[in-house]
Amino acid sequence: MLKFIKFVLPPLLAGLAVAFVVTLTVPSLRQAILPNIPVSNPIRSNHMSFAEGVEKAAPAVVTIFSEGISSQPRYKRQNTVQELGSGVIMSSDGYILTNYHVVNNADLIMVILTDGRRFSDVQLIGFDTITDLALLKIDAKHLPVIPIDDNFAPRVGDVVLAIGNPLNLGQTITQGIISATGKQTLTDSPYNSLLQMDAAVNVGNSGGALVNSNGVLVGITSAQFRTRYNIDIQGISFAVPYALAKDVMAKLIKDGRVVRGYLGFNGAPVDKNGNEITDRYTQVFGIRISDLDPLGPAWQAGMKDGDIIVKMAGQAVTNPQSALNLVGNTRPGTKLTFEIFRDGLYQEVLVEVAELETRI
């Protein structure tokens, strides 16, 4: 009997193993043998597609043509100056965000929707030169709106899609990843903070939408970066983050312009030993004041170069960008209490916030 089992068992086990492999790799056969077990769909190409995200976002991205009258004589240049850009529908009743340079000095602005509708009676609600954003308004209802998520925070490595009308070729999608966040060194103001990405951006993309793979708005695309040394750079472009663009839009709707607070100094984060912090991991002790405006609010309140701000309006200064945003979002005329560290002692200073003057 034992010999019989030893003789039969190996081929039986081998047959069962082959049957298991066959039923595992052939879904139709497995379903016929085991009808109650669900069969997962095989992987297809559309599983790696961004088409659904594009379908949600693309209808809310518009083309913008602007035309201005040149002040120079015709023999020097053509009498009209035309600009091509894109825009993002932020509300169903017609608020559209775009780049300021797309509509700067425009005498005529035309908005063209993806469904072919054209609007030439476009109202410029306001603009902000620091973030290069402008808010337009068209007279329409029930417009497609870009998907938004106030809780979404872009991270380095996120896949993003730039939607716009480059070179007037029609709506085009380019794909890349976020390369860096919080880029300020490329702008003229610390109140701006850009997303860096490697999605292709060309003339006409400016003011378009940067979305994630689900079609949710990540930022407003800005012009492609060119260095001051006239070097052709590939794979580097920028966008204004949605959170910043939303804040600018709200202020433009409320006041017609962006009102920012001003204290009159530059600052750098330092550790508890007073050393400037150059990484993201060292704990911030405070912000050391430099380049104090001799007529600014901070100087008038008694602050000095070298003072370290450790608290602002009762809040510890652990993030310089958050502290800067607090000042920028404070209405001019408001008085804020600052706790500073000077010569080994802590003291409080009351400063009346002024209004930041911006160039046009």
Protein backbone atom coordinates (compact mmCIF):
# COMPACT_ATOMS: atom_id res chain seq x y z
CA MET A 1 0.00 0.00 0.00
CA LEU A 2 2.82 2.36 0.89
CA LYS A 3 4.53 1.60 -2.40
CA PHE A 4 1.29 2.34 -4.24
CA ILE A 5 0.97 5.76 -2.50
CA LYS A 6 4.60 6.59 -3.29
CA PHE A 7 3.98 5.65 -6.91
CA VAL A 8 0.71 7.64 -7.34
CA LEU A 9 1.31 10.70 -5.14
CA PRO A 10 4.15 12.49 -7.08
CA PRO A 11 2.35 12.60 -10.46
CA LEU A 12 -0.90 13.55 -8.69
CA LEU A 13 0.75 16.50 -6.96
CA ALA A 14 2.45 17.51 -10.21
CA GLY A 15 -0.90 17.45 -12.01
CA LEU A 16 -2.53 19.58 -9.35
CA ALA A 17 0.34 22.08 -9.56
CA VAL A 18 -0.02 22.36 -13.34
CA ALA A 19 -3.80 22.78 -13.02
CA PHE A 20 -3.31 25.52 -10.43
CA VAL A 21 -0.89 27.42 -12.66
CA VAL A 22 -3.18 27.11 -15.69
CA THR A 23 -6.29 28.32 -13.85
CA LEU A 24 -4.30 31.15 -12.30
CA THR A 25 -3.01 32.44 -15.63
CA VAL A 26 -6.19 31.87 -17.68
CA PRO A 27 -9.02 33.95 -16.14
CA SER A 28 -11.76 32.49 -18.36
CA LEU A 29 -10.88 28.93 -17.35
CA ARG A 30 -10.69 29.91 -13.69
CA GLN A 31 -14.14 31.52 -13.90
CA ALA A 32 -15.58 28.37 -15.49
CA ILE A 33 -14.19 26.13 -12.78
CA LEU A 34 -14.82 28.52 -9.86
CA PRO A 35 -17.77 30.72 -10.94
CA ASN A 36 -18.20 32.38 -7.54
CA ILE A 37 -14.71 33.84 -7.37
CA PRO A 38 -14.48 37.33 -8.95
CA VAL A 39 -11.88 37.79 -11.64
CA SER A 40 -9.87 41.01 -11.65
CA ASN A 41 -9.58 42.77 -14.97
CA PRO A 42 -6.20 42.46 -16.64
CA ILE A 43 -4.05 45.58 -16.61
CA ARG A 44 -4.72 47.75 -19.64
CA SER A 45 -3.09 50.91 -20.93
CA ASN A 46 -5.85 53.18 -19.63
CA HIS A 47 -4.90 52.25 -16.05
CA MET A 48 -1.88 54.54 -16.47
CA SER A 49 -3.80 57.31 -18.19
CA PHE A 50 -4.48 60.85 -16.96
CA ALA A 51 -7.48 61.18 -19.28
CA GLU A 52 -10.08 61.36 -16.50
CA GLY A 53 -8.24 64.18 -14.75
CA VAL A 54 -7.88 66.07 -18.02
CA GLU A 55 -11.58 65.63 -18.80
CA LYS A 56 -12.46 67.26 -15.47
CA ALA A 57 -10.07 70.19 -15.77
CA ALA A 58 -9.69 70.97 -19.48
CA PRO A 59 -13.15 72.57 -20.06
CA ALA A 60 -12.30 75.22 -17.44
CA VAL A 61 -9.10 76.36 -19.21
CA VAL A 62 -9.69 79.15 -21.74
CA THR A 63 -7.67 80.97 -24.38
CA ILE A 64 -7.06 84.70 -23.94
CA PHE A 65 -6.17 87.16 -26.68
CA SER A 66 -5.31 90.74 -25.73
CA GLU A 67 -4.52 93.69 -27.94
CA GLY A 68 -3.04 97.04 -27.06
CA ILE A 69 -2.27 100.15 -29.08
CA SER A 70 1.45 100.84 -29.37
CA SER A 71 2.66 104.36 -28.62
CA GLN A 72 5.51 104.05 -31.11
CA PRO A 73 5.17 105.20 -34.75
CA ARG A 74 4.19 102.65 -37.36
CA TYR A 75 7.56 102.83 -39.13
CA LYS A 76 9.26 101.53 -35.95
CA ARG A 77 6.83 98.73 -35.22
CA GLN A 78 3.28 97.63 -35.87
CA ASN A 79 0.65 99.86 -34.31
CA THR A 80 -0.98 97.11 -32.25
CA VAL A 81 0.61 94.69 -29.80
CA GLN A 82 -1.03 91.30 -29.37
CA GLU A 83 -0.58 88.83 -26.54
CA LEU A 84 -1.62 85.19 -26.36
CA GLY A 85 -2.27 83.42 -23.10
CA SER A 86 -4.54 81.09 -21.20
CA GLY A 87 -6.86 81.46 -18.23
CA VAL A 88 -8.63 79.34 -15.61
CA ILE A 89 -12.35 79.60 -14.82
CA MET A 90 -12.56 79.84 -11.03
CA SER A 91 -16.33 80.27 -10.63
CA SER A 92 -19.41 79.34 -12.62
CA ASP A 93 -20.43 83.02 -12.93
CA GLY A 94 -17.33 83.99 -14.89
CA TYR A 95 -14.30 84.83 -12.70
CA ILE A 96 -11.12 83.89 -14.57
CA LEU A 97 -7.53 83.93 -13.30
CA THR A 98 -4.65 84.54 -15.69
CA ASN A 99 -1.17 86.10 -15.71
CA TYR A 100 -0.96 89.87 -15.50
CA HIS A 101 1.54 90.11 -18.34
CA VAL A 102 -1.04 88.50 -20.66
CA VAL A 103 -3.43 91.47 -20.27
CA ASN A 104 -0.98 94.23 -19.31
CA ASN A 105 -1.86 97.50 -21.10
CA ALA A 106 -4.54 95.74 -23.13
CA ASP A 107 -7.23 97.82 -24.82
CA LEU A 108 -9.14 94.73 -25.94
CA ILE A 109 -9.37 91.34 -24.24
CA MET A 110 -11.07 88.33 -25.78
CA VAL A 111 -11.80 85.07 -23.95
CA ILE A 112 -12.48 81.91 -25.94
CA LEU A 113 -13.96 78.86 -24.21
CA THR A 114 -13.24 75.27 -25.19
CA ASP A 115 -16.79 74.95 -26.56
CA GLY A 116 -16.11 77.80 -29.01
CA ARG A 117 -17.94 80.62 -27.25
CA ARG A 118 -16.22 84.00 -27.47
CA PHE A 119 -16.45 86.89 -25.04
CA SER A 120 -15.10 90.30 -26.01
CA ASP A 121 -16.79 92.31 -23.24
CA VAL A 122 -14.26 91.26 -20.60
CA GLN A 123 -13.88 93.17 -17.35
CA LEU A 124 -10.48 93.45 -15.66
CA ILE A 125 -11.32 93.21 -11.95
CA GLY A 126 -7.77 93.83 -10.79
CA PHE A 127 -4.18 92.63 -10.95
CA ASP A 128 -1.16 91.98 -8.76
CA THR A 129 2.29 92.65 -10.18
CA ILE A 130 4.09 90.76 -7.40
CA THR A 131 2.49 87.41 -8.26
CA ASP A 132 1.89 88.33 -11.94
CA LEU A 133 -1.79 87.47 -11.56
CA ALA A 134 -4.87 89.20 -12.97
CA LEU A 135 -8.56 88.53 -12.42
CA LEU A 136 -11.03 88.83 -15.30
CA LYS A 137 -14.82 88.62 -15.36
CA ILE A 138 -17.08 87.61 -18.22
CA ASP A 139 -20.88 87.84 -18.29
CA ALA A 140 -21.88 84.18 -18.30
CA LYS A 141 -23.53 81.60 -16.07
CA HIS A 142 -23.13 77.89 -15.41
CA LEU A 143 -19.57 77.81 -16.72
CA PRO A 144 -17.33 74.78 -16.20
CA VAL A 145 -15.19 75.34 -13.10
CA ILE A 146 -11.73 73.96 -12.41
CA PRO A 147 -11.76 71.28 -9.68
CA ILE A 148 -10.22 72.57 -6.45
CA ASP A 149 -9.24 71.05 -3.11
CA ASP A 150 -8.28 73.50 -0.36
CA ASN A 151 -6.67 70.67 1.60
CA PHE A 152 -4.32 69.61 -1.19
CA ALA A 153 -0.68 70.54 -0.55
CA PRO A 154 1.70 70.08 -3.49
CA ARG A 155 4.85 68.08 -2.76
CA VAL A 156 8.10 67.59 -4.59
CA GLY A 157 7.68 64.57 -6.86
CA ASP A 158 3.95 65.03 -7.51
CA VAL A 159 2.90 64.40 -11.11
CA VAL A 160 1.40 67.55 -12.65
CA LEU A 161 -0.21 68.46 -15.98
CA ALA A 162 0.02 71.91 -17.58
CA ILE A 163 -3.06 72.82 -19.64
CA GLY A 164 -2.99 75.79 -22.00
CA ASN A 165 -2.80 76.98 -25.58
CA PRO A 166 0.91 77.17 -26.45
CA LEU A 167 1.75 78.98 -29.69
CA ASN A 168 -2.00 79.04 -30.48
CA LEU A 169 -1.88 75.37 -31.46
CA GLY A 170 -5.08 74.68 -29.55
CA GLN A 171 -5.49 73.29 -26.07
CA THR A 172 -2.46 71.18 -25.21
CA ILE A 173 -1.51 69.02 -22.23
CA THR A 174 2.09 68.63 -21.06
CA GLN A 175 3.18 66.44 -18.18
CA GLY A 176 5.93 66.64 -15.58
CA ILE A 177 6.64 66.56 -11.87
CA ILE A 178 7.02 69.24 -9.20
CA SER A 179 10.76 69.80 -8.85
CA ALA A 180 10.71 72.26 -5.94
CA THR A 181 8.33 74.37 -3.87
CA GLY A 182 8.61 77.77 -2.22
CA LYS A 183 10.93 79.29 -4.83
CA GLN A 184 11.44 82.98 -4.03
CA THR A 185 14.90 83.84 -5.31
CA LEU A 186 13.61 84.27 -8.87
CA THR A 187 11.09 86.96 -7.96
CA ASP A 188 11.42 90.57 -6.91
CA SER A 189 9.44 90.09 -3.71
CA PRO A 190 9.46 87.67 -0.77
CA TYR A 191 5.66 87.79 -0.90
CA ASN A 192 5.76 85.53 -3.95
CA SER A 193 6.40 81.80 -3.74
CA LEU A 194 6.54 79.62 -6.83
CA LEU A 195 6.28 75.95 -7.70
CA GLN A 196 9.06 74.69 -9.95
CA MET A 197 8.26 71.91 -12.41
CA ASP A 198 9.59 70.30 -15.55
CA ALA A 199 6.38 70.31 -17.61
CA ALA A 200 6.90 72.05 -20.95
CA VAL A 201 5.60 75.65 -20.91
CA ASN A 202 5.66 77.90 -23.97
CA VAL A 203 4.20 81.20 -25.13
CA GLY A 204 0.44 80.87 -24.74
CA ASN A 205 0.63 78.61 -21.67
CA SER A 206 0.92 81.62 -19.35
CA GLY A 207 -2.13 81.87 -17.10
CA GLY A 208 -3.21 78.29 -17.76
CA ALA A 209 -3.89 75.55 -15.24
CA LEU A 210 -1.42 73.31 -13.51
CA VAL A 211 -3.37 70.32 -12.20
CA ASN A 212 -2.57 67.01 -10.56
CA SER A 213 -3.40 63.62 -12.07
CA ASN A 214 -6.97 63.89 -10.71
CA GLY A 215 -7.55 67.23 -12.44
CA VAL A 216 -7.41 69.26 -9.19
CA LEU A 217 -5.88 72.72 -9.53
CA VAL A 218 -2.31 72.91 -8.24
CA GLY A 219 -1.36 76.34 -9.56
CA ILE A 220 -1.53 78.99 -12.28
CA THR A 221 1.17 78.42 -14.87
CA SER A 222 3.66 81.24 -15.35
CA ALA A 223 6.02 82.00 -18.23
CA GLN A 224 8.94 79.69 -18.85
CA PHE A 225 12.09 80.58 -16.96
CA ARG A 226 14.92 82.19 -18.88
CA THR A 227 18.17 83.08 -17.16
CA ARG A 228 19.60 86.59 -17.21
CA TYR A 229 22.57 85.23 -19.14
CA ASN A 230 20.42 84.32 -22.12
CA ILE A 231 20.98 80.58 -21.73
CA ASP A 232 18.28 78.35 -23.16
CA ILE A 233 16.99 76.28 -20.23
CA GLN A 234 14.97 73.11 -20.72
CA GLY A 235 12.80 71.39 -18.13
CA ILE A 236 12.42 74.37 -15.78
CA SER A 237 9.13 76.25 -15.54
CA PHE A 238 7.07 77.79 -12.77
CA ALA A 239 3.55 78.24 -11.44
CA VAL A 240 1.87 80.30 -8.73
CA PRO A 241 0.53 77.86 -6.09
CA TYR A 242 -3.25 77.61 -5.86
CA ALA A 243 -3.32 78.71 -2.20
CA LEU A 244 -1.53 81.95 -3.07
CA ALA A 245 -3.61 82.50 -6.21
CA LYS A 246 -6.82 81.97 -4.21
CA ASP A 247 -5.73 84.56 -1.63
CA VAL A 248 -4.89 87.09 -4.37
CA MET A 249 -8.22 86.47 -6.11
CA ALA A 250 -10.18 87.04 -2.88
CA LYS A 251 -8.40 90.36 -2.30
CA LEU A 252 -8.97 91.48 -5.88
CA ILE A 253 -12.68 90.72 -5.60
CA LYS A 254 -12.91 92.58 -2.27
CA ASP A 255 -10.71 95.63 -2.93
CA GLY A 256 -9.93 95.58 -6.66
CA ARG A 257 -6.25 95.39 -5.70
CA VAL A 258 -4.00 93.44 -3.34
CA VAL A 259 -3.36 95.28 -0.07
CA ARG A 260 -0.34 93.95 1.84
CA GLY A 261 1.14 94.92 5.15
CA TYR A 262 4.68 96.33 5.37
CA LEU A 263 7.19 96.56 8.22
CA GLY A 264 10.34 97.73 6.43
CA PHE A 265 13.10 95.14 6.85
CA ASN A 266 14.52 91.94 5.46
CA GLY A 267 15.04 88.91 7.64
CA ALA A 268 16.77 85.55 7.75
CA PRO A 269 15.97 82.57 10.00
CA VAL A 270 18.53 81.84 12.71
CA ASP A 271 19.02 79.11 15.30
CA LYS A 272 19.36 79.60 19.07
CA ASN A 273 23.05 80.44 18.64
CA GLY A 274 22.30 83.20 16.15
CA ASN A 275 23.62 81.28 13.15
CA GLU A 276 21.71 81.64 9.89
CA ILE A 277 19.78 78.51 8.94
CA THR A 278 20.36 77.16 5.44
CA ASP A 279 18.55 73.81 5.69
CA ARG A 280 15.02 72.61 6.39
CA TYR A 281 15.79 70.58 9.49
CA THR A 282 17.31 72.98 12.03
CA GLN A 283 14.77 74.44 14.46
CA VAL A 284 14.12 78.14 13.90
CA PHE A 285 14.75 80.35 16.94
CA GLY A 286 13.67 83.57 15.22
CA ILE A 287 14.21 85.98 12.33
CA ARG A 288 17.21 88.29 12.43
CA ILE A 289 16.47 91.77 11.07
CA SER A 290 18.62 93.27 8.32
CA ASP A 291 18.37 96.10 5.77
CA LEU A 292 16.10 98.10 8.07
CA ASP A 293 14.18 100.82 6.24
CA PRO A 294 15.24 104.05 8.04
CA LEU A 295 11.75 105.49 7.56
CA GLY A 296 9.75 102.27 7.87
CA PRO A 297 7.35 101.22 10.64
CA ALA A 298 9.83 98.86 12.33
CA TRP A 299 12.51 101.57 12.57
CA GLN A 300 10.01 104.09 13.88
CA ALA A 301 8.99 101.60 16.59
CA GLY A 302 12.59 101.23 17.76
CA MET A 303 13.76 98.03 16.09
CA LYS A 304 17.42 97.75 15.07
CA ASP A 305 19.48 95.76 12.60
CA GLY A 306 20.52 92.54 14.29
CA ASP A 307 17.40 92.23 16.45
CA ILE A 308 15.94 88.72 16.42
CA ILE A 309 12.15 88.48 16.26
CA VAL A 310 11.08 85.43 18.29
CA LYS A 311 7.35 86.11 18.55
CA MET A 312 4.90 87.96 16.34
CA ALA A 313 1.39 88.77 17.56
CA GLY A 314 1.87 86.21 20.31
CA GLN A 315 2.91 83.44 17.93
CA ALA A 316 6.37 81.89 17.98
CA VAL A 317 8.29 82.47 14.76
CA THR A 318 9.01 78.90 13.68
CA ASN A 319 8.51 79.41 9.96
CA PRO A 320 9.75 82.61 8.26
CA GLN A 321 7.32 82.26 5.36
CA SER A 322 4.35 81.96 7.72
CA ALA A 323 5.54 85.04 9.61
CA LEU A 324 5.87 86.95 6.36
CA ASN A 325 2.37 85.89 5.31
CA LEU A 326 1.03 87.10 8.66
CA VAL A 327 2.48 90.55 8.05
CA GLY A 328 1.34 90.62 4.43
CA ASN A 329 -2.22 89.70 5.38
CA THR A 330 -2.44 92.30 8.16
CA ARG A 331 -4.45 95.39 7.23
CA PRO A 332 -2.41 98.62 7.22
CA GLY A 333 -2.95 100.62 10.41
CA THR A 334 -3.12 97.51 12.57
CA LYS A 335 -0.73 97.38 15.53
CA LEU A 336 1.18 94.15 16.15
CA THR A 337 3.21 93.21 19.20
CA PHE A 338 6.67 91.78 18.51
CA GLU A 339 8.91 90.04 21.01
CA ILE A 340 12.56 90.57 20.08
CA PHE A 341 15.85 89.24 21.44
CA ARG A 342 18.56 91.90 21.72
CA ASP A 343 21.85 91.76 23.63
CA GLY A 344 20.77 88.68 25.55
CA LEU A 345 17.46 90.19 26.70
CA TYR A 346 13.86 89.81 25.56
CA GLN A 347 11.67 92.87 25.04
CA GLU A 348 8.36 93.74 23.39
CA VAL A 349 7.90 96.28 20.62
CA LEU A 350 4.56 97.59 19.31
CA VAL A 351 4.63 98.26 15.56
CA GLU A 352 1.91 99.84 13.40
CA VAL A 353 1.81 98.02 10.06
CA ALA A 354 2.01 100.22 6.94
CA GLU A 355 0.91 99.42 3.40
CA LEU A 356 3.37 97.86 0.98
CA GLU A 357 3.78 99.96 -2.13
CA THR A 358 3.94 97.93 -5.32
CA ARG A 359 5.14 99.07 -8.70
CA ILE A 360 2.82 98.97 -11.70
